[in-house]
Structure formats: structure tokens, C-alpha cells
Amino acid sequence: MGRFRPKPYAQAFHEVVLDQAPEREEGVMEELDRLAQALALVPELRRVFETPMVGPERKTAILDQVLDALGIEEPTRRFAHVLQRQYRILYADKILGAYRDRVDRRHGRVRARVEVVGALTEAERRRIVDALARMTRARVVADFEDNRTLLAGFRATVGSTVFDGSLIGQLEQLGREMEA
């Protein structure tokens, strides 16, 4: 069996959303995220969709209960059922990533993962996002996470580009320069 490719699913779903519920373009991302998190955090739920011991009708009923509990509406609900029938529901996280990329591109945004030491104030976060926006020449949506190994400063990853303003990064650069 070949490697799963989430982009065709994300593209088809995005086209449906834009056609049927364009006002929900961003909202369906949150719904897909809730579904992907439920599948990741509840091993028993994953097993239900993995095992052939549970019949398709039972899987559909269980999926309906999960979607109700998560507050998932149309068209995400219908899309989740398509994924379940095609044995792709366990790839919801990958499809979410591809969908998010499409929406971001459409709105001229890039995503950044910013690693920092400890908590930042909103003003500090804004300064980092503004600096990244100037460097990338795009609107930046940043996800911040704590990484104590950096010692100080921050490290931001935007696509495949890494901006390393951390103390540990500076020390590593100094070590490379001393070796050369």
C-alpha cells in the first residue's frame, strides 16, 4: 500500500467548504482539529476505526456520537463520514495540516513555530511576530511553545527556514566559527 497523501483530501474538502459554506472556512479547521485530537488522545477510539472486527454500520454510529460530543457541524461532519468510509479517518491530523496550508496560502499567511524559554507577555509575542512578518514579508500566525534547552532568546521555524536567536544557538555558532 502506498504512502497516504493528504493534499487531495484537503483540496476537495476546501473546495466543498468554499462552495457550500465559505463563511466557515476557518471554523472547519477548529472542528477538524478537535476530531484529530480526539483520535490522538483516545486510543480506544482509534482502535474502533482500525479494527475490522467493528462493522461499518457500528463505526458510523460511533462516529456520529463522537461528532455530536465534539460539536462538529456540516460540512465537516459529512467529510468525517467520507473519511471513515474510505478508511482515512485516522489521517485527520494530516488532512488538517494540508487544509490549514491551503487556507493560509489563500489568505497570504505563513505559520511559525516559535520556541521560547518560559512565558512571554503579549507585547513580547507581538514583537517576535512582527519581526518574523518583516523577514518573511507575509502575515505570520505563530504558535509559541516553551523550550528550556534554549537557555534564553527564541528559535522560530517558518516553513523550512529557522531563525535562531537563542543563546544556545549563538553558542553553537561560536563553536562552529572557532573550529573553522
N, C-alpha and C. Protein backbone atom coordinates (compact mmCIF):
# COMPACT_ATOMS: atom_id res chain seq x y z
N MET A 1 0.84 -1.18 0.00
CA MET A 1 0.00 0.00 0.00
C MET A 1 0.88 1.24 0.00
N GLY A 2 0.54 2.23 -0.80
CA GLY A 2 1.33 3.44 -0.93
C GLY A 2 1.19 4.35 0.28
N ARG A 3 2.02 5.36 0.26
CA ARG A 3 2.01 6.35 1.32
C ARG A 3 0.78 7.24 1.18
N PHE A 4 0.17 7.59 2.30
CA PHE A 4 -1.04 8.43 2.27
C PHE A 4 -0.68 9.86 1.87
N ARG A 5 -1.49 10.44 1.01
CA ARG A 5 -1.30 11.82 0.56
C ARG A 5 -2.52 12.63 0.99
N PRO A 6 -2.34 13.52 1.96
CA PRO A 6 -3.48 14.29 2.48
C PRO A 6 -3.94 15.43 1.57
N LYS A 7 -3.08 15.92 0.69
CA LYS A 7 -3.43 17.12 -0.10
C LYS A 7 -4.69 16.96 -0.95
N PRO A 8 -4.88 15.84 -1.64
CA PRO A 8 -6.12 15.73 -2.43
C PRO A 8 -7.38 15.79 -1.56
N TYR A 9 -7.32 15.20 -0.38
CA TYR A 9 -8.47 15.26 0.53
C TYR A 9 -8.70 16.70 0.99
N ALA A 10 -7.61 17.37 1.36
CA ALA A 10 -7.72 18.75 1.83
C ALA A 10 -8.24 19.66 0.72
N GLN A 11 -7.75 19.45 -0.49
CA GLN A 11 -8.20 20.27 -1.62
C GLN A 11 -9.69 20.06 -1.88
N ALA A 12 -10.11 18.81 -1.93
CA ALA A 12 -11.53 18.53 -2.19
C ALA A 12 -12.40 19.12 -1.09
N PHE A 13 -11.99 18.94 0.16
CA PHE A 13 -12.77 19.47 1.27
C PHE A 13 -12.81 21.00 1.22
N HIS A 14 -11.69 21.63 0.93
CA HIS A 14 -11.63 23.09 0.85
C HIS A 14 -12.57 23.61 -0.24
N GLU A 15 -12.59 22.94 -1.37
CA GLU A 15 -13.48 23.35 -2.46
C GLU A 15 -14.94 23.23 -2.05
N VAL A 16 -15.28 22.16 -1.33
CA VAL A 16 -16.65 21.99 -0.84
C VAL A 16 -17.00 23.10 0.13
N VAL A 17 -16.09 23.39 1.05
CA VAL A 17 -16.34 24.45 2.04
C VAL A 17 -16.54 25.78 1.35
N LEU A 18 -15.67 26.13 0.41
CA LEU A 18 -15.79 27.41 -0.30
C LEU A 18 -17.08 27.48 -1.10
N ASP A 19 -17.54 26.35 -1.62
CA ASP A 19 -18.77 26.32 -2.41
C ASP A 19 -20.02 26.37 -1.53
N GLN A 20 -20.01 25.61 -0.44
CA GLN A 20 -21.23 25.44 0.35
C GLN A 20 -21.29 26.29 1.62
N ALA A 21 -20.15 26.61 2.19
CA ALA A 21 -20.15 27.36 3.46
C ALA A 21 -18.88 28.20 3.58
N PRO A 22 -18.68 29.16 2.67
CA PRO A 22 -17.43 29.93 2.69
C PRO A 22 -17.18 30.67 4.00
N GLU A 23 -18.23 31.01 4.70
CA GLU A 23 -18.09 31.70 5.99
C GLU A 23 -17.50 30.78 7.06
N ARG A 24 -17.46 29.48 6.81
CA ARG A 24 -16.95 28.51 7.77
C ARG A 24 -15.53 28.03 7.43
N GLU A 25 -14.90 28.70 6.46
CA GLU A 25 -13.57 28.27 6.00
C GLU A 25 -12.59 28.09 7.17
N GLU A 26 -12.57 29.03 8.10
CA GLU A 26 -11.67 28.94 9.26
C GLU A 26 -12.25 28.02 10.34
N GLY A 27 -13.55 28.06 10.53
CA GLY A 27 -14.19 27.28 11.58
C GLY A 27 -14.04 25.77 11.41
N VAL A 28 -14.04 25.32 10.16
CA VAL A 28 -13.90 23.87 9.96
C VAL A 28 -12.51 23.38 10.37
N MET A 29 -11.53 24.29 10.34
CA MET A 29 -10.19 23.90 10.82
C MET A 29 -10.25 23.51 12.29
N GLU A 30 -10.97 24.31 13.07
CA GLU A 30 -11.11 24.01 14.50
C GLU A 30 -11.83 22.69 14.71
N GLU A 31 -12.84 22.42 13.89
CA GLU A 31 -13.56 21.17 14.01
C GLU A 31 -12.68 19.98 13.64
N LEU A 32 -11.94 20.10 12.54
CA LEU A 32 -11.02 19.03 12.16
C LEU A 32 -9.97 18.81 13.24
N ASP A 33 -9.53 19.90 13.85
CA ASP A 33 -8.54 19.80 14.92
C ASP A 33 -9.11 19.05 16.12
N ARG A 34 -10.35 19.35 16.49
CA ARG A 34 -10.98 18.62 17.62
C ARG A 34 -11.09 17.14 17.32
N LEU A 35 -11.46 16.80 16.09
CA LEU A 35 -11.57 15.39 15.70
C LEU A 35 -10.20 14.72 15.74
N ALA A 36 -9.19 15.37 15.18
CA ALA A 36 -7.84 14.81 15.16
C ALA A 36 -7.31 14.61 16.59
N GLN A 37 -7.58 15.57 17.46
CA GLN A 37 -7.14 15.45 18.85
C GLN A 37 -7.85 14.30 19.55
N ALA A 38 -9.13 14.14 19.31
CA ALA A 38 -9.86 13.04 19.93
C ALA A 38 -9.28 11.70 19.49
N LEU A 39 -8.97 11.59 18.22
CA LEU A 39 -8.39 10.34 17.71
C LEU A 39 -7.00 10.10 18.28
N ALA A 40 -6.26 11.17 18.52
CA ALA A 40 -4.91 11.03 19.07
C ALA A 40 -4.92 10.74 20.56
N LEU A 41 -5.88 11.30 21.28
CA LEU A 41 -5.88 11.21 22.74
C LEU A 41 -6.67 10.02 23.29
N VAL A 42 -7.51 9.42 22.47
CA VAL A 42 -8.34 8.31 22.94
C VAL A 42 -7.98 7.06 22.14
N PRO A 43 -7.04 6.25 22.66
CA PRO A 43 -6.60 5.07 21.92
C PRO A 43 -7.74 4.11 21.57
N GLU A 44 -8.73 4.00 22.45
CA GLU A 44 -9.85 3.10 22.19
C GLU A 44 -10.63 3.53 20.95
N LEU A 45 -10.74 4.84 20.76
CA LEU A 45 -11.45 5.37 19.58
C LEU A 45 -10.67 5.02 18.31
N ARG A 46 -9.36 5.19 18.35
CA ARG A 46 -8.52 4.81 17.20
C ARG A 46 -8.72 3.33 16.86
N ARG A 47 -8.72 2.51 17.90
CA ARG A 47 -8.85 1.07 17.68
C ARG A 47 -10.18 0.72 17.02
N VAL A 48 -11.24 1.44 17.36
CA VAL A 48 -12.55 1.18 16.74
C VAL A 48 -12.45 1.34 15.23
N PHE A 49 -11.76 2.40 14.78
CA PHE A 49 -11.67 2.66 13.34
C PHE A 49 -10.60 1.84 12.65
N GLU A 50 -9.67 1.28 13.42
CA GLU A 50 -8.60 0.45 12.84
C GLU A 50 -9.04 -1.00 12.64
N THR A 51 -9.87 -1.50 13.52
CA THR A 51 -10.17 -2.93 13.53
C THR A 51 -11.29 -3.31 12.55
N PRO A 52 -11.11 -4.40 11.86
CA PRO A 52 -12.19 -4.89 11.01
C PRO A 52 -13.27 -5.62 11.83
N MET A 53 -13.01 -5.81 13.12
CA MET A 53 -13.97 -6.50 13.99
C MET A 53 -15.21 -5.66 14.26
N VAL A 54 -15.09 -4.34 14.06
CA VAL A 54 -16.24 -3.46 14.23
C VAL A 54 -16.77 -3.17 12.83
N GLY A 55 -18.03 -3.49 12.62
CA GLY A 55 -18.63 -3.32 11.29
C GLY A 55 -18.82 -1.87 10.89
N PRO A 56 -18.99 -1.62 9.61
CA PRO A 56 -19.13 -0.25 9.10
C PRO A 56 -20.31 0.51 9.71
N GLU A 57 -21.44 -0.18 9.92
CA GLU A 57 -22.61 0.50 10.50
C GLU A 57 -22.32 0.94 11.93
N ARG A 58 -21.65 0.09 12.67
CA ARG A 58 -21.31 0.41 14.06
C ARG A 58 -20.30 1.56 14.11
N LYS A 59 -19.33 1.53 13.19
CA LYS A 59 -18.35 2.62 13.12
C LYS A 59 -19.04 3.95 12.81
N THR A 60 -20.02 3.92 11.91
CA THR A 60 -20.77 5.13 11.57
C THR A 60 -21.52 5.65 12.78
N ALA A 61 -22.14 4.76 13.53
CA ALA A 61 -22.88 5.17 14.73
C ALA A 61 -21.94 5.76 15.78
N ILE A 62 -20.81 5.13 15.98
CA ILE A 62 -19.82 5.65 16.94
C ILE A 62 -19.30 7.00 16.48
N LEU A 63 -19.01 7.13 15.19
CA LEU A 63 -18.53 8.41 14.67
C LEU A 63 -19.57 9.50 14.89
N ASP A 64 -20.84 9.19 14.67
CA ASP A 64 -21.90 10.18 14.92
C ASP A 64 -21.89 10.64 16.38
N GLN A 65 -21.73 9.70 17.31
CA GLN A 65 -21.67 10.06 18.73
C GLN A 65 -20.48 10.96 19.02
N VAL A 66 -19.34 10.65 18.44
CA VAL A 66 -18.13 11.45 18.65
C VAL A 66 -18.33 12.85 18.07
N LEU A 67 -18.87 12.93 16.86
CA LEU A 67 -19.08 14.23 16.23
C LEU A 67 -20.07 15.07 17.02
N ASP A 68 -21.12 14.44 17.56
CA ASP A 68 -22.07 15.15 18.41
C ASP A 68 -21.37 15.70 19.66
N ALA A 69 -20.58 14.85 20.30
CA ALA A 69 -19.89 15.25 21.53
C ALA A 69 -18.90 16.38 21.27
N LEU A 70 -18.29 16.40 20.09
CA LEU A 70 -17.31 17.43 19.76
C LEU A 70 -17.94 18.69 19.17
N GLY A 71 -19.24 18.65 18.93
CA GLY A 71 -19.93 19.82 18.37
C GLY A 71 -19.56 20.10 16.93
N ILE A 72 -19.35 19.06 16.16
CA ILE A 72 -18.93 19.22 14.77
C ILE A 72 -20.16 19.29 13.88
N GLU A 73 -20.16 20.32 13.02
CA GLU A 73 -21.31 20.60 12.16
C GLU A 73 -20.96 20.34 10.69
N GLU A 74 -21.95 20.57 9.83
CA GLU A 74 -21.73 20.45 8.38
C GLU A 74 -20.84 21.59 7.93
N PRO A 75 -20.01 21.42 6.94
CA PRO A 75 -19.77 20.24 6.14
C PRO A 75 -18.69 19.30 6.72
N THR A 76 -18.11 19.68 7.85
CA THR A 76 -17.06 18.85 8.45
C THR A 76 -17.61 17.48 8.82
N ARG A 77 -18.82 17.46 9.28
CA ARG A 77 -19.46 16.21 9.70
C ARG A 77 -19.55 15.23 8.52
N ARG A 78 -20.02 15.72 7.39
CA ARG A 78 -20.14 14.88 6.20
C ARG A 78 -18.76 14.42 5.73
N PHE A 79 -17.77 15.32 5.82
CA PHE A 79 -16.40 14.98 5.41
C PHE A 79 -15.83 13.89 6.31
N ALA A 80 -16.09 13.96 7.61
CA ALA A 80 -15.61 12.93 8.54
C ALA A 80 -16.20 11.56 8.16
N HIS A 81 -17.45 11.55 7.75
CA HIS A 81 -18.07 10.29 7.33
C HIS A 81 -17.44 9.76 6.04
N VAL A 82 -17.11 10.65 5.13
CA VAL A 82 -16.42 10.22 3.90
C VAL A 82 -15.08 9.59 4.28
N LEU A 83 -14.34 10.25 5.17
CA LEU A 83 -13.05 9.71 5.60
C LEU A 83 -13.21 8.35 6.26
N GLN A 84 -14.24 8.20 7.07
CA GLN A 84 -14.47 6.92 7.75
C GLN A 84 -14.79 5.83 6.74
N ARG A 85 -15.64 6.13 5.77
CA ARG A 85 -16.00 5.11 4.76
C ARG A 85 -14.81 4.73 3.89
N GLN A 86 -13.89 5.65 3.70
CA GLN A 86 -12.72 5.36 2.86
C GLN A 86 -11.51 4.92 3.70
N TYR A 87 -11.75 4.62 4.96
CA TYR A 87 -10.69 4.15 5.87
C TYR A 87 -9.55 5.17 5.98
N ARG A 88 -9.91 6.45 6.03
CA ARG A 88 -8.92 7.52 6.13
C ARG A 88 -9.12 8.40 7.36
N ILE A 89 -10.04 8.06 8.22
CA ILE A 89 -10.35 8.89 9.38
C ILE A 89 -9.13 9.07 10.29
N LEU A 90 -8.27 8.07 10.34
CA LEU A 90 -7.10 8.16 11.22
C LEU A 90 -6.05 9.13 10.69
N TYR A 91 -6.25 9.64 9.49
CA TYR A 91 -5.35 10.63 8.91
C TYR A 91 -5.89 12.05 9.06
N ALA A 92 -6.86 12.24 9.93
CA ALA A 92 -7.48 13.56 10.10
C ALA A 92 -6.45 14.63 10.43
N ASP A 93 -5.42 14.29 11.22
CA ASP A 93 -4.40 15.29 11.57
C ASP A 93 -3.61 15.73 10.35
N LYS A 94 -3.27 14.82 9.48
CA LYS A 94 -2.51 15.16 8.27
C LYS A 94 -3.37 15.96 7.29
N ILE A 95 -4.63 15.60 7.19
CA ILE A 95 -5.55 16.33 6.32
C ILE A 95 -5.75 17.74 6.86
N LEU A 96 -5.87 17.86 8.18
CA LEU A 96 -5.98 19.17 8.81
C LEU A 96 -4.78 20.05 8.45
N GLY A 97 -3.58 19.50 8.54
CA GLY A 97 -2.38 20.27 8.20
C GLY A 97 -2.40 20.76 6.76
N ALA A 98 -2.80 19.88 5.84
CA ALA A 98 -2.85 20.25 4.43
C ALA A 98 -3.96 21.28 4.18
N TYR A 99 -5.09 21.13 4.86
CA TYR A 99 -6.19 22.09 4.73
C TYR A 99 -5.74 23.45 5.25
N ARG A 100 -5.11 23.46 6.41
CA ARG A 100 -4.62 24.71 7.01
C ARG A 100 -3.64 25.41 6.07
N ASP A 101 -2.76 24.64 5.44
CA ASP A 101 -1.81 25.23 4.49
C ASP A 101 -2.54 25.90 3.33
N ARG A 102 -3.57 25.26 2.81
CA ARG A 102 -4.34 25.84 1.70
C ARG A 102 -5.01 27.14 2.11
N VAL A 103 -5.64 27.15 3.28
CA VAL A 103 -6.32 28.35 3.76
C VAL A 103 -5.31 29.46 4.02
N ASP A 104 -4.18 29.12 4.62
CA ASP A 104 -3.14 30.12 4.88
C ASP A 104 -2.64 30.74 3.58
N ARG A 105 -2.35 29.90 2.59
CA ARG A 105 -1.89 30.42 1.29
C ARG A 105 -2.93 31.35 0.68
N ARG A 106 -4.18 30.95 0.76
CA ARG A 106 -5.26 31.75 0.18
C ARG A 106 -5.35 33.12 0.84
N HIS A 107 -5.01 33.20 2.13
CA HIS A 107 -5.11 34.45 2.87
C HIS A 107 -3.75 35.13 3.08
N GLY A 108 -2.71 34.65 2.39
CA GLY A 108 -1.40 35.28 2.47
C GLY A 108 -0.73 35.17 3.83
N ARG A 109 -0.93 34.04 4.49
CA ARG A 109 -0.35 33.83 5.82
C ARG A 109 0.69 32.72 5.77
N VAL A 110 1.62 32.79 6.74
CA VAL A 110 2.54 31.68 6.98
C VAL A 110 2.45 31.33 8.46
N ARG A 111 2.70 30.09 8.78
CA ARG A 111 2.68 29.63 10.17
C ARG A 111 4.11 29.55 10.68
N ALA A 112 4.27 29.92 11.93
CA ALA A 112 5.58 29.85 12.57
C ALA A 112 5.45 29.10 13.88
N ARG A 113 6.44 28.25 14.13
CA ARG A 113 6.55 27.62 15.45
C ARG A 113 7.68 28.35 16.17
N VAL A 114 7.34 28.99 17.27
CA VAL A 114 8.30 29.80 18.00
C VAL A 114 8.57 29.15 19.34
N GLU A 115 9.83 28.77 19.54
CA GLU A 115 10.24 28.18 20.81
C GLU A 115 10.86 29.28 21.67
N VAL A 116 10.43 29.37 22.90
CA VAL A 116 10.92 30.38 23.83
C VAL A 116 11.18 29.72 25.18
N VAL A 117 11.89 30.45 26.03
CA VAL A 117 12.13 29.97 27.39
C VAL A 117 11.12 30.67 28.29
N GLY A 118 10.19 29.92 28.85
CA GLY A 118 9.20 30.49 29.76
C GLY A 118 8.09 31.23 29.02
N ALA A 119 7.27 31.89 29.82
CA ALA A 119 6.12 32.62 29.29
C ALA A 119 6.53 34.01 28.82
N LEU A 120 5.90 34.46 27.75
CA LEU A 120 6.12 35.81 27.23
C LEU A 120 4.88 36.65 27.44
N THR A 121 5.07 37.94 27.54
CA THR A 121 3.93 38.83 27.58
C THR A 121 3.35 38.94 26.17
N GLU A 122 2.16 39.45 26.08
CA GLU A 122 1.54 39.63 24.77
C GLU A 122 2.36 40.60 23.92
N ALA A 123 2.93 41.62 24.53
CA ALA A 123 3.75 42.59 23.79
C ALA A 123 5.02 41.92 23.25
N GLU A 124 5.63 41.04 24.02
CA GLU A 124 6.82 40.32 23.56
C GLU A 124 6.47 39.39 22.40
N ARG A 125 5.37 38.72 22.53
CA ARG A 125 4.92 37.83 21.45
C ARG A 125 4.69 38.64 20.17
N ARG A 126 4.03 39.78 20.32
CA ARG A 126 3.72 40.64 19.17
C ARG A 126 5.00 41.11 18.50
N ARG A 127 6.03 41.49 19.29
CA ARG A 127 7.30 41.94 18.71
C ARG A 127 7.96 40.83 17.89
N ILE A 128 7.93 39.61 18.40
CA ILE A 128 8.50 38.48 17.66
C ILE A 128 7.73 38.24 16.37
N VAL A 129 6.41 38.24 16.45
CA VAL A 129 5.58 38.02 15.26
C VAL A 129 5.82 39.13 14.24
N ASP A 130 5.91 40.37 14.70
CA ASP A 130 6.17 41.49 13.78
C ASP A 130 7.52 41.35 13.10
N ALA A 131 8.55 40.94 13.86
CA ALA A 131 9.89 40.75 13.28
C ALA A 131 9.86 39.64 12.23
N LEU A 132 9.16 38.53 12.53
CA LEU A 132 9.05 37.44 11.57
C LEU A 132 8.29 37.88 10.32
N ALA A 133 7.26 38.69 10.50
CA ALA A 133 6.49 39.19 9.36
C ALA A 133 7.37 40.05 8.46
N ARG A 134 8.22 40.88 9.06
CA ARG A 134 9.14 41.71 8.25
C ARG A 134 10.13 40.82 7.48
N MET A 135 10.64 39.79 8.14
CA MET A 135 11.63 38.92 7.50
C MET A 135 11.02 38.05 6.40
N THR A 136 9.80 37.60 6.60
CA THR A 136 9.17 36.70 5.62
C THR A 136 8.31 37.45 4.61
N ARG A 137 8.03 38.72 4.90
CA ARG A 137 7.15 39.53 4.05
C ARG A 137 5.78 38.88 3.89
N ALA A 138 5.27 38.36 4.98
CA ALA A 138 3.95 37.71 4.99
C ALA A 138 3.32 37.91 6.36
N ARG A 139 2.01 37.72 6.43
CA ARG A 139 1.34 37.71 7.73
C ARG A 139 1.71 36.42 8.43
N VAL A 140 2.09 36.53 9.69
CA VAL A 140 2.57 35.37 10.43
C VAL A 140 1.56 34.99 11.51
N VAL A 141 1.24 33.71 11.56
CA VAL A 141 0.45 33.14 12.64
C VAL A 141 1.42 32.27 13.43
N ALA A 142 1.65 32.62 14.68
CA ALA A 142 2.68 31.93 15.46
C ALA A 142 2.08 31.08 16.57
N ASP A 143 2.65 29.90 16.71
CA ASP A 143 2.36 29.02 17.83
C ASP A 143 3.59 29.03 18.72
N PHE A 144 3.42 29.44 19.97
CA PHE A 144 4.54 29.54 20.90
C PHE A 144 4.59 28.30 21.78
N GLU A 145 5.80 27.82 22.02
CA GLU A 145 5.97 26.69 22.93
C GLU A 145 7.22 26.90 23.77
N ASP A 146 7.17 26.38 24.98
CA ASP A 146 8.27 26.51 25.93
C ASP A 146 9.35 25.48 25.62
N ASN A 147 10.61 25.96 25.56
CA ASN A 147 11.75 25.07 25.34
C ASN A 147 12.90 25.57 26.22
N ARG A 148 13.02 24.98 27.37
CA ARG A 148 14.03 25.41 28.35
C ARG A 148 15.47 25.15 27.90
N THR A 149 15.66 24.29 26.90
CA THR A 149 17.03 24.00 26.45
C THR A 149 17.65 25.17 25.69
N LEU A 150 16.85 26.16 25.31
CA LEU A 150 17.38 27.30 24.57
C LEU A 150 18.18 28.25 25.46
N LEU A 151 18.00 28.15 26.77
CA LEU A 151 18.64 29.00 27.78
C LEU A 151 18.08 30.42 27.78
N ALA A 152 18.04 31.08 26.63
CA ALA A 152 17.48 32.44 26.51
C ALA A 152 17.19 32.69 25.04
N GLY A 153 16.43 33.73 24.76
CA GLY A 153 16.11 34.08 23.38
C GLY A 153 14.98 33.23 22.82
N PHE A 154 14.98 33.07 21.49
CA PHE A 154 13.94 32.27 20.85
C PHE A 154 14.48 31.64 19.57
N ARG A 155 13.75 30.62 19.10
CA ARG A 155 14.03 29.99 17.82
C ARG A 155 12.69 29.86 17.11
N ALA A 156 12.63 30.38 15.88
CA ALA A 156 11.38 30.33 15.12
C ALA A 156 11.59 29.52 13.85
N THR A 157 10.63 28.67 13.55
CA THR A 157 10.64 27.89 12.32
C THR A 157 9.44 28.31 11.49
N VAL A 158 9.74 28.81 10.28
CA VAL A 158 8.71 29.21 9.33
C VAL A 158 8.95 28.41 8.07
N GLY A 159 8.08 27.44 7.83
CA GLY A 159 8.31 26.52 6.72
C GLY A 159 9.58 25.74 7.00
N SER A 160 10.54 25.81 6.11
CA SER A 160 11.81 25.11 6.31
C SER A 160 12.92 26.05 6.77
N THR A 161 12.57 27.31 7.02
CA THR A 161 13.55 28.30 7.46
C THR A 161 13.53 28.42 8.98
N VAL A 162 14.73 28.39 9.57
CA VAL A 162 14.86 28.52 11.02
C VAL A 162 15.57 29.83 11.32
N PHE A 163 14.95 30.64 12.18
CA PHE A 163 15.55 31.87 12.68
C PHE A 163 15.94 31.59 14.12
N ASP A 164 17.24 31.50 14.39
CA ASP A 164 17.70 31.12 15.72
C ASP A 164 18.32 32.31 16.43
N GLY A 165 17.57 32.87 17.35
CA GLY A 165 18.05 33.98 18.17
C GLY A 165 18.22 33.53 19.61
N SER A 166 18.47 32.23 19.81
CA SER A 166 18.60 31.70 21.16
C SER A 166 20.05 31.76 21.61
N LEU A 167 20.26 31.74 22.91
CA LEU A 167 21.61 31.73 23.45
C LEU A 167 22.33 30.45 23.06
N ILE A 168 21.64 29.33 23.12
CA ILE A 168 22.27 28.06 22.75
C ILE A 168 22.66 28.07 21.28
N GLY A 169 21.83 28.67 20.43
CA GLY A 169 22.14 28.79 19.00
C GLY A 169 23.37 29.66 18.78
N GLN A 170 23.48 30.73 19.53
CA GLN A 170 24.65 31.60 19.41
C GLN A 170 25.91 30.89 19.87
N LEU A 171 25.81 30.11 20.94
CA LEU A 171 26.96 29.36 21.42
C LEU A 171 27.39 28.30 20.41
N GLU A 172 26.43 27.63 19.79
CA GLU A 172 26.74 26.64 18.76
C GLU A 172 27.42 27.30 17.56
N GLN A 173 26.93 28.48 17.17
CA GLN A 173 27.54 29.21 16.04
C GLN A 173 28.96 29.61 16.40
N LEU A 174 29.19 30.08 17.60
CA LEU A 174 30.53 30.46 18.05
C LEU A 174 31.46 29.24 17.99
N GLY A 175 30.97 28.08 18.42
CA GLY A 175 31.77 26.85 18.38
C GLY A 175 32.15 26.49 16.95
N ARG A 176 31.19 26.62 15.99
CA ARG A 176 31.50 26.31 14.60
C ARG A 176 32.54 27.28 14.04
N GLU A 177 32.44 28.56 14.41
CA GLU A 177 33.40 29.54 13.94
C GLU A 177 34.79 29.28 14.50
N MET A 178 34.85 28.83 15.76
CA MET A 178 36.15 28.56 16.37
C MET A 178 36.81 27.32 15.73
N GLU A 179 36.00 26.34 15.32
CA GLU A 179 36.54 25.16 14.66
C GLU A 179 37.09 25.50 13.28
N ALA A 180 36.48 26.47 12.61
CA ALA A 180 36.89 26.84 11.24
C ALA A 180 38.11 27.71 11.25
